[in-house]
């Protein structure tokens, strides 16, 4: 069958000089079902690319698994209606699976749709205490620029988000894209997890604003630094502060704003009267 992350579609371009026929590459999105031990846990609309990374990242950020050994088997099954990512878990993960069971079938712009209660929306996340080598100011300031060079799907469609991972003195080592920002982050976290890369050793960088679910996912992955090209919400900042996460926003044009836990960045603050 084979789903493609993009589809070419004809249209009419209406501009000041007139109307012309065009063919545009558009990002596609399909239903992706996460199935654990034969039961569907969630259905997300997502770009049909890097599905194994997406599924594993979802399992980690939802707290369903914490170690690769807890997954006994995994497969991807494509159907006419969409894609199933199927997990078979070790028996001792049933309690965690039940605790996070939710059914989601909503737009990609909503990372919390379908949850069962208000308590799940503001769920407690683990505090990130591990600190890797510090980043320089230059590395943080240029993180989104580096991510911008590793977005082939966005270059083609101008309609996707990306999440990337940087290491001190090594730069950007991994990136994933999706029409949904939280999907892109799950794909990145899954890719890191499957590659055996410790998220606490580096920083996650996003092409979007920083909302609560992105901070939650970062905390669940154990990454202590979250960087974004745009602004955080006030709630996301409160959660980042509580979770011990260094939050850098408006990272573009050679600068950034730093809002919480600055100890992971080699910085000296000058107070200006």
Protein backbone atom coordinates (compact mmCIF):
# COMPACT_ATOMS: atom_id res chain seq x y z
CA UNK A 1 0.00 0.00 0.00
CA UNK A 2 2.56 2.58 1.10
CA UNK A 3 1.43 5.95 2.42
CA UNK A 4 3.39 8.99 1.26
CA UNK A 5 4.16 12.03 3.45
CA UNK A 6 3.24 14.36 0.57
CA UNK A 7 0.72 14.50 -2.27
CA UNK A 8 0.87 16.72 -5.37
CA UNK A 9 -2.36 18.55 -6.05
CA UNK A 10 -3.38 21.07 -8.75
CA UNK A 11 -4.87 24.44 -7.95
CA UNK A 12 -5.23 28.03 -9.09
CA UNK A 13 -2.83 30.67 -7.83
CA UNK A 14 -4.52 34.07 -7.62
CA UNK A 15 -1.99 36.90 -7.44
CA UNK A 16 -1.91 40.60 -8.30
CA UNK A 17 -0.75 39.90 -11.83
CA UNK A 18 -3.51 37.40 -12.52
CA UNK A 19 -4.50 33.76 -12.16
CA UNK A 20 -2.39 30.75 -13.13
CA UNK A 21 -2.54 27.03 -12.73
CA UNK A 22 -0.13 25.51 -10.21
CA UNK A 23 0.71 22.12 -8.74
CA UNK A 24 1.64 22.15 -5.08
CA UNK A 25 3.22 19.50 -2.88
CA UNK A 26 0.99 19.20 0.18
CA UNK A 27 1.78 17.32 3.40
CA UNK A 28 -0.53 14.39 3.97
CA UNK A 29 -2.01 13.18 7.25
CA UNK A 30 -3.52 9.82 8.01
CA UNK A 31 -4.99 8.15 11.11
CA UNK A 32 -2.31 6.36 13.12
CA UNK A 33 -3.60 3.96 15.78
CA UNK A 34 -1.40 2.96 18.71
CA UNK A 35 -2.43 -0.55 19.71
CA UNK A 36 -1.13 -2.15 22.90
CA UNK A 37 -1.78 -5.85 23.53
CA UNK A 38 -4.65 -5.83 21.08
CA UNK A 39 -6.42 -2.72 22.42
CA UNK A 40 -6.31 0.70 20.75
CA UNK A 41 -4.90 3.29 23.12
CA UNK A 42 -5.08 6.32 20.86
CA UNK A 43 -5.67 7.41 17.28
CA UNK A 44 -3.72 10.43 16.04
CA UNK A 45 -3.77 12.23 12.72
CA UNK A 46 -0.15 12.42 11.60
CA UNK A 47 2.20 12.64 8.65
CA UNK A 48 2.77 9.01 7.53
CA UNK A 49 6.52 9.01 7.98
CA UNK A 50 8.80 7.69 10.76
CA UNK A 51 5.85 5.82 12.26
CA UNK A 52 7.99 3.49 14.38
CA UNK A 53 9.68 6.51 15.96
CA UNK A 54 6.28 8.14 16.49
CA UNK A 55 4.82 5.07 18.18
CA UNK A 56 7.79 4.53 20.50
CA UNK A 57 7.92 8.21 21.39
CA UNK A 58 4.22 8.16 22.22
CA UNK A 59 4.69 5.09 24.42
CA UNK A 60 7.51 6.82 26.31
CA UNK A 61 5.89 10.23 26.75
CA UNK A 62 2.63 8.64 27.90
CA UNK A 63 4.52 6.64 30.52
CA UNK A 64 3.40 3.32 29.06
CA UNK A 65 7.00 2.07 28.77
CA UNK A 66 10.20 3.18 30.45
CA UNK A 67 12.65 0.61 29.10
CA UNK A 68 13.02 -1.14 25.71
CA UNK A 69 12.95 -4.51 27.47
CA UNK A 70 9.29 -3.88 28.37
CA UNK A 71 8.35 -4.22 24.68
CA UNK A 72 8.13 -7.88 23.70
CA UNK A 73 7.20 -7.26 20.06
CA UNK A 74 6.29 -4.43 17.70
CA UNK A 75 4.97 -4.22 14.16
CA UNK A 76 3.41 -1.69 11.78
CA UNK A 77 0.34 -2.68 9.79
CA UNK A 78 -1.02 -0.55 6.96
CA UNK A 79 -4.71 -0.59 6.05
CA UNK A 80 -6.77 1.29 3.50
CA UNK A 81 -8.05 3.57 6.29
CA UNK A 82 -4.70 4.23 8.00
CA UNK A 83 -1.82 2.74 9.95
CA UNK A 84 -1.66 0.62 13.08
CA UNK A 85 1.44 0.58 15.29
CA UNK A 86 1.10 -2.59 17.35
CA UNK A 87 2.91 -3.25 20.62
CA UNK A 88 2.99 -6.35 22.77
CA UNK A 89 4.18 -5.48 26.26
CA UNK A 90 5.65 -7.32 29.17
CA UNK A 91 2.95 -8.34 31.63
CA UNK A 92 4.10 -5.95 34.37
CA UNK A 93 3.24 -2.90 32.17
CA UNK A 94 -0.51 -3.51 32.31
CA UNK A 95 -1.03 -1.15 35.24
CA UNK A 96 0.74 1.73 33.47
CA UNK A 97 -1.19 0.97 30.31
CA UNK A 98 -4.52 1.09 32.10
CA UNK A 99 -3.61 4.31 33.93
CA UNK A 100 -2.92 6.17 30.68
CA UNK A 101 -5.68 4.66 28.57
CA UNK A 102 -7.38 7.31 26.49
CA UNK A 103 -9.06 7.36 23.10
CA UNK A 104 -8.02 10.17 20.81
CA UNK A 105 -9.42 10.99 17.37
CA UNK A 106 -8.97 14.69 16.79
CA UNK A 107 -7.07 17.35 14.90
CA UNK A 108 -3.29 17.41 14.97
CA UNK A 109 -3.29 20.85 16.59
CA UNK A 110 -4.66 19.44 19.85
CA UNK A 111 -2.28 17.34 21.91
CA UNK A 112 -4.76 16.69 24.72
CA UNK A 113 -8.04 15.98 22.95
CA UNK A 114 -9.88 12.90 24.14
CA UNK A 115 -8.50 12.74 27.67
CA UNK A 116 -10.82 11.55 30.39
CA UNK A 117 -10.50 14.29 33.02
CA UNK A 118 -9.06 17.66 33.93
CA UNK A 119 -6.54 15.88 36.15
CA UNK A 120 -5.05 14.15 33.10
CA UNK A 121 -4.63 17.50 31.33
CA UNK A 122 -2.45 18.83 34.17
CA UNK A 123 -0.88 15.52 35.14
CA UNK A 124 2.24 15.57 37.27
CA UNK A 125 5.45 14.80 35.42
CA UNK A 126 8.83 13.68 36.78
CA UNK A 127 11.28 16.41 37.74
CA UNK A 128 14.34 16.46 35.49
CA UNK A 129 17.44 16.58 37.67
CA UNK A 130 20.19 15.20 35.43
CA UNK A 131 22.42 17.80 33.84
CA UNK A 132 24.72 17.11 30.93
CA UNK A 133 27.57 19.33 29.76
CA UNK A 134 26.55 23.02 29.59
CA UNK A 135 25.64 24.67 26.32
CA UNK A 136 27.16 27.94 25.17
CA UNK A 137 25.00 30.95 24.45
CA UNK A 138 25.91 30.65 20.78
CA UNK A 139 24.70 27.04 20.58
CA UNK A 140 21.30 27.91 22.03
CA UNK A 141 20.93 31.05 19.92
CA UNK A 142 21.63 29.15 16.71
CA UNK A 143 19.65 26.00 17.50
CA UNK A 144 16.57 26.92 15.46
CA UNK A 145 18.75 28.01 12.53
CA UNK A 146 20.39 24.59 12.54
CA UNK A 147 16.98 22.90 12.67
CA UNK A 148 15.84 24.99 9.71
CA UNK A 149 18.47 23.33 7.51
CA UNK A 150 17.14 19.83 8.30
CA UNK A 151 13.49 20.11 7.29
CA UNK A 152 13.11 18.63 3.79
CA UNK A 153 9.35 18.13 4.21
CA UNK A 154 8.86 21.75 5.23
CA UNK A 155 11.07 22.92 2.37
CA UNK A 156 8.79 21.04 -0.01
CA UNK A 157 5.40 21.96 1.50
CA UNK A 158 5.89 24.96 3.85
CA UNK A 159 3.34 23.31 6.14
CA UNK A 160 5.06 21.12 8.75
CA UNK A 161 6.70 21.45 12.16
CA UNK A 162 10.00 19.95 13.25
CA UNK A 163 11.67 18.83 16.46
CA UNK A 164 15.42 18.43 16.71
CA UNK A 165 18.05 17.32 19.21
CA UNK A 166 21.35 19.10 19.76
CA UNK A 167 24.41 18.12 21.77
CA UNK A 168 27.07 20.45 23.21
CA UNK A 169 29.97 20.87 20.78
CA UNK A 170 28.24 18.55 18.27
CA UNK A 171 25.26 20.58 17.08
CA UNK A 172 22.08 19.08 15.64
CA UNK A 173 22.30 15.29 15.43
CA UNK A 174 18.69 14.30 14.79
CA UNK A 175 15.42 15.83 13.53
CA UNK A 176 11.90 14.70 12.78
CA UNK A 177 8.96 16.41 11.01
CA UNK A 178 5.18 16.20 11.12
CA UNK A 179 2.12 18.34 10.48
CA UNK A 180 1.61 18.36 14.26
CA UNK A 181 4.21 19.86 16.57
CA UNK A 182 3.56 17.34 19.35
CA UNK A 183 3.72 14.50 16.80
CA UNK A 184 7.11 15.76 15.62
CA UNK A 185 8.32 15.75 19.22
CA UNK A 186 7.08 12.22 19.84
CA UNK A 187 8.85 11.10 16.65
CA UNK A 188 12.08 12.70 17.83
CA UNK A 189 11.86 11.20 21.32
CA UNK A 190 11.11 7.79 19.82
CA UNK A 191 14.09 8.09 17.48
CA UNK A 192 16.37 9.00 20.39
CA UNK A 193 15.02 6.15 22.50
CA UNK A 194 15.43 3.57 19.74
CA UNK A 195 18.98 4.77 19.02
CA UNK A 196 19.98 4.57 22.69
CA UNK A 197 20.70 8.31 22.91
CA UNK A 198 20.17 9.81 26.37
CA UNK A 199 17.94 12.94 26.07
CA UNK A 200 19.42 14.36 29.28
CA UNK A 201 22.74 14.89 27.50
CA UNK A 202 21.37 17.51 25.10
CA UNK A 203 18.51 19.84 24.25
CA UNK A 204 15.29 19.60 22.26
CA UNK A 205 14.52 22.40 19.80
CA UNK A 206 11.09 23.10 18.30
CA UNK A 207 9.80 25.15 15.36
CA UNK A 208 6.64 26.08 17.25
CA UNK A 209 5.32 27.84 20.31
CA UNK A 210 5.79 26.01 23.60
CA UNK A 211 2.57 24.68 25.05
CA UNK A 212 1.92 22.45 28.05
CA UNK A 213 1.98 19.10 26.25
CA UNK A 214 5.43 19.80 24.79
CA UNK A 215 6.85 20.46 28.25
CA UNK A 216 5.13 17.33 29.55
CA UNK A 217 6.68 15.21 26.80
CA UNK A 218 10.11 16.75 27.37
CA UNK A 219 9.91 15.93 31.08
CA UNK A 220 8.75 12.36 30.44
CA UNK A 221 11.72 11.88 28.09
CA UNK A 222 14.11 13.23 30.74
CA UNK A 223 15.42 16.12 28.63
CA UNK A 224 16.37 19.18 30.69
CA UNK A 225 16.43 21.84 27.97
CA UNK A 226 13.62 22.88 25.62
CA UNK A 227 14.22 25.56 22.96
CA UNK A 228 11.64 27.11 20.65
CA UNK A 229 11.50 29.70 17.91
CA UNK A 230 8.31 31.18 19.37
CA UNK A 231 6.79 32.00 22.77
CA UNK A 232 5.82 29.74 25.66
CA UNK A 233 2.43 29.88 27.27
CA UNK A 234 2.41 30.99 30.91
CA UNK A 235 1.18 27.54 31.95
CA UNK A 236 3.98 25.84 30.01
CA UNK A 237 6.50 28.07 31.77
CA UNK A 238 5.06 27.22 35.20
CA UNK A 239 5.26 23.52 34.39
CA UNK A 240 8.83 23.84 33.06
CA UNK A 241 9.87 25.60 36.27
CA UNK A 242 8.25 22.89 38.41
CA UNK A 243 9.74 20.10 36.30
CA UNK A 244 13.27 21.47 36.41
CA UNK A 245 13.42 22.19 32.69
CA UNK A 246 15.48 24.99 31.18
CA UNK A 247 13.14 26.83 28.83
CA UNK A 248 14.53 29.07 26.07
CA UNK A 249 12.08 30.82 23.74
CA UNK A 250 12.15 33.32 20.86
CA UNK A 251 15.37 31.63 19.74
CA UNK A 252 16.03 33.33 16.43
CA UNK A 253 18.14 36.06 14.90
CA UNK A 254 21.12 35.20 17.10
CA UNK A 255 19.34 35.61 20.44
CA UNK A 256 16.79 34.06 22.78
CA UNK A 257 14.85 34.61 25.99
CA UNK A 258 15.70 32.38 28.94
CA UNK A 259 12.90 31.79 31.45
CA UNK A 260 13.79 28.96 33.84
CA UNK A 261 16.70 26.97 35.27
CA UNK A 262 19.58 28.77 33.51
CA UNK A 263 22.26 26.56 35.12
CA UNK A 264 22.46 24.31 32.05
CA UNK A 265 23.67 27.20 29.88
CA UNK A 266 27.01 28.96 30.26
CA UNK A 267 25.61 32.42 30.85
CA UNK A 268 26.47 35.51 32.85
CA UNK A 269 23.58 37.89 33.50
CA UNK A 270 24.26 41.63 33.31
CA UNK A 271 21.68 43.73 35.10
CA UNK A 272 20.80 46.86 33.19
CA UNK A 273 19.25 49.73 35.18
